[in-house]
């Protein structure tokens, strides 16, 4: 349970940081959100497979 909650917390922080960084770099909200969603979906899948459900 701890690993799952910790991974969700890391994902929340990464989402906020990546989205705000992309928007500060000049991307529109929609483009920044799409890039963030795709990136974090891949990261969450790999993290879940290698660490959470091990």
PDB file of N, CA and C in Angstrom:
ATOM      1  N   UNK A   1       0.830  -1.190   0.000  1.00  0.00           N
ATOM      2  CA  UNK A   1       0.000   0.000   0.000  1.00  0.00           C
ATOM      3  C   UNK A   1       0.875   1.254   0.000  1.00  0.00           C
ATOM      4  N   UNK A   2       1.968   1.229   0.768  1.00  0.00           N
ATOM      5  CA  UNK A   2       2.843   2.397   0.840  1.00  0.00           C
ATOM      6  C   UNK A   2       3.411   2.741  -0.526  1.00  0.00           C
ATOM      7  N   UNK A   3       3.852   1.735  -1.274  1.00  0.00           N
ATOM      8  CA  UNK A   3       4.443   1.985  -2.587  1.00  0.00           C
ATOM      9  C   UNK A   3       3.439   2.646  -3.521  1.00  0.00           C
ATOM     10  N   UNK A   4       2.203   2.179  -3.476  1.00  0.00           N
ATOM     11  CA  UNK A   4       1.160   2.721  -4.343  1.00  0.00           C
ATOM     12  C   UNK A   4       0.877   4.186  -4.011  1.00  0.00           C
ATOM     13  N   UNK A   5       0.706   4.498  -2.737  1.00  0.00           N
ATOM     14  CA  UNK A   5       0.432   5.874  -2.316  1.00  0.00           C
ATOM     15  C   UNK A   5       1.626   6.774  -2.618  1.00  0.00           C
ATOM     16  N   UNK A   6       2.824   6.278  -2.378  1.00  0.00           N
ATOM     17  CA  UNK A   6       4.028   7.058  -2.662  1.00  0.00           C
ATOM     18  C   UNK A   6       4.149   7.348  -4.156  1.00  0.00           C
ATOM     19  N   UNK A   7       3.859   6.364  -4.988  1.00  0.00           N
ATOM     20  CA  UNK A   7       3.917   6.561  -6.441  1.00  0.00           C
ATOM     21  C   UNK A   7       2.882   7.586  -6.899  1.00  0.00           C
ATOM     22  N   UNK A   8       1.703   7.570  -6.303  1.00  0.00           N
ATOM     23  CA  UNK A   8       0.689   8.565  -6.645  1.00  0.00           C
ATOM     24  C   UNK A   8       1.135   9.970  -6.242  1.00  0.00           C
ATOM     25  N   UNK A   9       1.778  10.079  -5.104  1.00  0.00           N
ATOM     26  CA  UNK A   9       2.290  11.370  -4.655  1.00  0.00           C
ATOM     27  C   UNK A   9       3.361  11.888  -5.620  1.00  0.00           C
ATOM     28  N   UNK A  10       4.279  11.027  -6.009  1.00  0.00           N
ATOM     29  CA  UNK A  10       5.331  11.407  -6.957  1.00  0.00           C
ATOM     30  C   UNK A  10       4.717  11.817  -8.290  1.00  0.00           C
ATOM     31  N   UNK A  11       3.703  11.106  -8.730  1.00  0.00           N
ATOM     32  CA  UNK A  11       3.040  11.440  -9.984  1.00  0.00           C
ATOM     33  C   UNK A  11       2.360  12.804  -9.890  1.00  0.00           C
ATOM     34  N   UNK A  12       1.750  13.118  -8.763  1.00  0.00           N
ATOM     35  CA  UNK A  12       1.100  14.407  -8.580  1.00  0.00           C
ATOM     36  C   UNK A  12       2.126  15.543  -8.643  1.00  0.00           C
ATOM     37  N   UNK A  13       3.250  15.360  -7.974  1.00  0.00           N
ATOM     38  CA  UNK A  13       4.304  16.381  -7.985  1.00  0.00           C
ATOM     39  C   UNK A  13       4.891  16.535  -9.393  1.00  0.00           C
ATOM     40  N   UNK A  14       5.148  15.414 -10.055  1.00  0.00           N
ATOM     41  CA  UNK A  14       5.710  15.459 -11.407  1.00  0.00           C
ATOM     42  C   UNK A  14       4.735  16.126 -12.375  1.00  0.00           C
ATOM     43  N   UNK A  15       3.453  15.847 -12.218  1.00  0.00           N
ATOM     44  CA  UNK A  15       2.438  16.461 -13.066  1.00  0.00           C
ATOM     45  C   UNK A  15       2.454  17.976 -12.916  1.00  0.00           C
ATOM     46  N   UNK A  16       2.471  18.450 -11.698  1.00  0.00           N
ATOM     47  CA  UNK A  16       2.474  19.892 -11.451  1.00  0.00           C
ATOM     48  C   UNK A  16       3.737  20.551 -11.995  1.00  0.00           C
ATOM     49  N   UNK A  17       4.883  19.936 -11.727  1.00  0.00           N
ATOM     50  CA  UNK A  17       6.147  20.523 -12.178  1.00  0.00           C
ATOM     51  C   UNK A  17       6.276  20.521 -13.697  1.00  0.00           C
ATOM     52  N   UNK A  18       5.942  19.412 -14.321  1.00  0.00           N
ATOM     53  CA  UNK A  18       6.076  19.312 -15.771  1.00  0.00           C
ATOM     54  C   UNK A  18       5.096  20.244 -16.478  1.00  0.00           C
ATOM     55  N   UNK A  19       3.867  20.281 -16.018  1.00  0.00           N
ATOM     56  CA  UNK A  19       2.869  21.143 -16.643  1.00  0.00           C
ATOM     57  C   UNK A  19       3.242  22.616 -16.515  1.00  0.00           C
ATOM     58  N   UNK A  20       3.643  23.024 -15.328  1.00  0.00           N
ATOM     59  CA  UNK A  20       4.012  24.428 -15.144  1.00  0.00           C
ATOM     60  C   UNK A  20       5.284  24.778 -15.924  1.00  0.00           C
ATOM     61  N   UNK A  21       6.224  23.850 -16.013  1.00  0.00           N
ATOM     62  CA  UNK A  21       7.446  24.098 -16.778  1.00  0.00           C
ATOM     63  C   UNK A  21       7.155  24.254 -18.268  1.00  0.00           C
ATOM     64  N   UNK A  22       6.307  23.397 -18.793  1.00  0.00           N
ATOM     65  CA  UNK A  22       5.973  23.480 -20.214  1.00  0.00           C
ATOM     66  C   UNK A  22       5.198  24.754 -20.530  1.00  0.00           C
ATOM     67  N   UNK A  23       4.311  25.151 -19.643  1.00  0.00           N
ATOM     68  CA  UNK A  23       3.562  26.385 -19.866  1.00  0.00           C
ATOM     69  C   UNK A  23       4.476  27.596 -19.747  1.00  0.00           C
ATOM     70  N   UNK A  24       5.437  27.563 -18.833  1.00  0.00           N
ATOM     71  CA  UNK A  24       6.398  28.665 -18.697  1.00  0.00           C
ATOM     72  C   UNK A  24       7.308  28.745 -19.920  1.00  0.00           C
ATOM     73  N   UNK A  25       7.512  27.614 -20.589  1.00  0.00           N
ATOM     74  CA  UNK A  25       8.347  27.589 -21.789  1.00  0.00           C
ATOM     75  C   UNK A  25       7.607  28.130 -23.008  1.00  0.00           C
ATOM     76  N   UNK A  26       6.317  28.410 -22.856  1.00  0.00           N
ATOM     77  CA  UNK A  26       5.570  29.035 -23.936  1.00  0.00           C
ATOM     78  C   UNK A  26       4.568  28.152 -24.639  1.00  0.00           C
ATOM     79  N   UNK A  27       4.396  26.913 -24.206  1.00  0.00           N
ATOM     80  CA  UNK A  27       3.402  26.052 -24.833  1.00  0.00           C
ATOM     81  C   UNK A  27       2.008  26.442 -24.360  1.00  0.00           C
ATOM     82  N   UNK A  28       1.028  26.165 -25.199  1.00  0.00           N
ATOM     83  CA  UNK A  28      -0.352  26.421 -24.796  1.00  0.00           C
ATOM     84  C   UNK A  28      -0.762  25.382 -23.757  1.00  0.00           C
ATOM     85  N   UNK A  29      -1.854  25.666 -23.077  1.00  0.00           N
ATOM     86  CA  UNK A  29      -2.328  24.755 -22.025  1.00  0.00           C
ATOM     87  C   UNK A  29      -2.623  23.376 -22.604  1.00  0.00           C
ATOM     88  N   UNK A  30      -3.271  23.325 -23.756  1.00  0.00           N
ATOM     89  CA  UNK A  30      -3.646  22.042 -24.352  1.00  0.00           C
ATOM     90  C   UNK A  30      -2.424  21.210 -24.742  1.00  0.00           C
ATOM     91  N   UNK A  31      -1.452  21.830 -25.374  1.00  0.00           N
ATOM     92  CA  UNK A  31      -0.246  21.092 -25.771  1.00  0.00           C
ATOM     93  C   UNK A  31       0.548  20.630 -24.559  1.00  0.00           C
ATOM     94  N   UNK A  32       0.664  21.504 -23.570  1.00  0.00           N
ATOM     95  CA  UNK A  32       1.392  21.139 -22.357  1.00  0.00           C
ATOM     96  C   UNK A  32       0.702  19.995 -21.629  1.00  0.00           C
ATOM     97  N   UNK A  33      -0.626  20.020 -21.587  1.00  0.00           N
ATOM     98  CA  UNK A  33      -1.366  18.956 -20.894  1.00  0.00           C
ATOM     99  C   UNK A  33      -1.244  17.633 -21.636  1.00  0.00           C
ATOM    100  N   UNK A  34      -1.274  17.660 -22.944  1.00  0.00           N
ATOM    101  CA  UNK A  34      -1.133  16.418 -23.722  1.00  0.00           C
ATOM    102  C   UNK A  34       0.243  15.808 -23.505  1.00  0.00           C
ATOM    103  N   UNK A  35       1.285  16.608 -23.575  1.00  0.00           N
ATOM    104  CA  UNK A  35       2.646  16.114 -23.357  1.00  0.00           C
ATOM    105  C   UNK A  35       2.793  15.560 -21.945  1.00  0.00           C
ATOM    106  N   UNK A  36       2.247  16.272 -20.970  1.00  0.00           N
ATOM    107  CA  UNK A  36       2.325  15.828 -19.574  1.00  0.00           C
ATOM    108  C   UNK A  36       1.575  14.522 -19.378  1.00  0.00           C
ATOM    109  N   UNK A  37       0.390  14.419 -19.937  1.00  0.00           N
ATOM    110  CA  UNK A  37      -0.412  13.203 -19.777  1.00  0.00           C
ATOM    111  C   UNK A  37       0.265  11.993 -20.396  1.00  0.00           C
ATOM    112  N   UNK A  38       0.772  12.143 -21.603  1.00  0.00           N
ATOM    113  CA  UNK A  38       1.433  11.019 -22.269  1.00  0.00           C
ATOM    114  C   UNK A  38       2.699  10.613 -21.512  1.00  0.00           C
ATOM    115  N   UNK A  39       3.489  11.602 -21.118  1.00  0.00           N
ATOM    116  CA  UNK A  39       4.732  11.309 -20.393  1.00  0.00           C
ATOM    117  C   UNK A  39       4.468  10.594 -19.081  1.00  0.00           C
ATOM    118  N   UNK A  40       3.524  11.099 -18.317  1.00  0.00           N
ATOM    119  CA  UNK A  40       3.264  10.501 -17.007  1.00  0.00           C
ATOM    120  C   UNK A  40       2.530   9.169 -17.105  1.00  0.00           C
ATOM    121  N   UNK A  41       1.782   8.954 -18.169  1.00  0.00           N
ATOM    122  CA  UNK A  41       1.162   7.643 -18.362  1.00  0.00           C
ATOM    123  C   UNK A  41       2.235   6.584 -18.565  1.00  0.00           C
ATOM    124  N   UNK A  42       3.222   6.901 -19.387  1.00  0.00           N
ATOM    125  CA  UNK A  42       4.329   5.969 -19.626  1.00  0.00           C
ATOM    126  C   UNK A  42       5.130   5.755 -18.339  1.00  0.00           C
ATOM    127  N   UNK A  43       5.446   6.847 -17.643  1.00  0.00           N
ATOM    128  CA  UNK A  43       6.201   6.763 -16.394  1.00  0.00           C
ATOM    129  C   UNK A  43       5.451   5.943 -15.341  1.00  0.00           C
ATOM    130  N   UNK A  44       4.153   6.153 -15.220  1.00  0.00           N
ATOM    131  CA  UNK A  44       3.356   5.430 -14.234  1.00  0.00           C
ATOM    132  C   UNK A  44       3.287   3.936 -14.562  1.00  0.00           C
ATOM    133  N   UNK A  45       3.151   3.613 -15.836  1.00  0.00           N
ATOM    134  CA  UNK A  45       3.113   2.208 -16.235  1.00  0.00           C
ATOM    135  C   UNK A  45       4.430   1.508 -15.895  1.00  0.00           C
ATOM    136  N   UNK A  46       5.530   2.136 -16.264  1.00  0.00           N
ATOM    137  CA  UNK A  46       6.843   1.539 -15.986  1.00  0.00           C
ATOM    138  C   UNK A  46       7.090   1.443 -14.485  1.00  0.00           C
ATOM    139  N   UNK A  47       6.760   2.500 -13.758  1.00  0.00           N
ATOM    140  CA  UNK A  47       6.930   2.486 -12.301  1.00  0.00           C
ATOM    141  C   UNK A  47       6.084   1.414 -11.638  1.00  0.00           C
ATOM    142  N   UNK A  48       4.865   1.263 -12.105  1.00  0.00           N
ATOM    143  CA  UNK A  48       3.984   0.234 -11.545  1.00  0.00           C
ATOM    144  C   UNK A  48       4.497  -1.159 -11.818  1.00  0.00           C
ATOM    145  N   UNK A  49       4.967  -1.360 -13.015  1.00  0.00           N
ATOM    146  CA  UNK A  49       5.460  -2.689 -13.392  1.00  0.00           C
ATOM    147  C   UNK A  49       6.748  -3.048 -12.662  1.00  0.00           C
ATOM    148  N   UNK A  50       7.654  -2.096 -12.538  1.00  0.00           N
ATOM    149  CA  UNK A  50       8.971  -2.396 -11.960  1.00  0.00           C
ATOM    150  C   UNK A  50       9.040  -2.260 -10.442  1.00  0.00           C
ATOM    151  N   UNK A  51       8.175  -1.435  -9.838  1.00  0.00           N
ATOM    152  CA  UNK A  51       8.348  -1.170  -8.416  1.00  0.00           C
ATOM    153  C   UNK A  51       7.099  -1.433  -7.576  1.00  0.00           C
ATOM    154  N   UNK A  52       5.954  -0.947  -8.001  1.00  0.00           N
ATOM    155  CA  UNK A  52       4.744  -1.037  -7.163  1.00  0.00           C
ATOM    156  C   UNK A  52       4.260  -2.469  -7.034  1.00  0.00           C
ATOM    157  N   UNK A  53       4.094  -3.166  -8.142  1.00  0.00           N
ATOM    158  CA  UNK A  53       3.490  -4.498  -8.120  1.00  0.00           C
ATOM    159  C   UNK A  53       4.533  -5.604  -8.165  1.00  0.00           C
ATOM    160  N   UNK A  54       5.674  -5.351  -7.636  1.00  0.00           N
ATOM    161  CA  UNK A  54       6.744  -6.348  -7.601  1.00  0.00           C
ATOM    162  C   UNK A  54       6.631  -7.192  -6.377  1.00  0.00           C
TER     163      UNK A  54
END
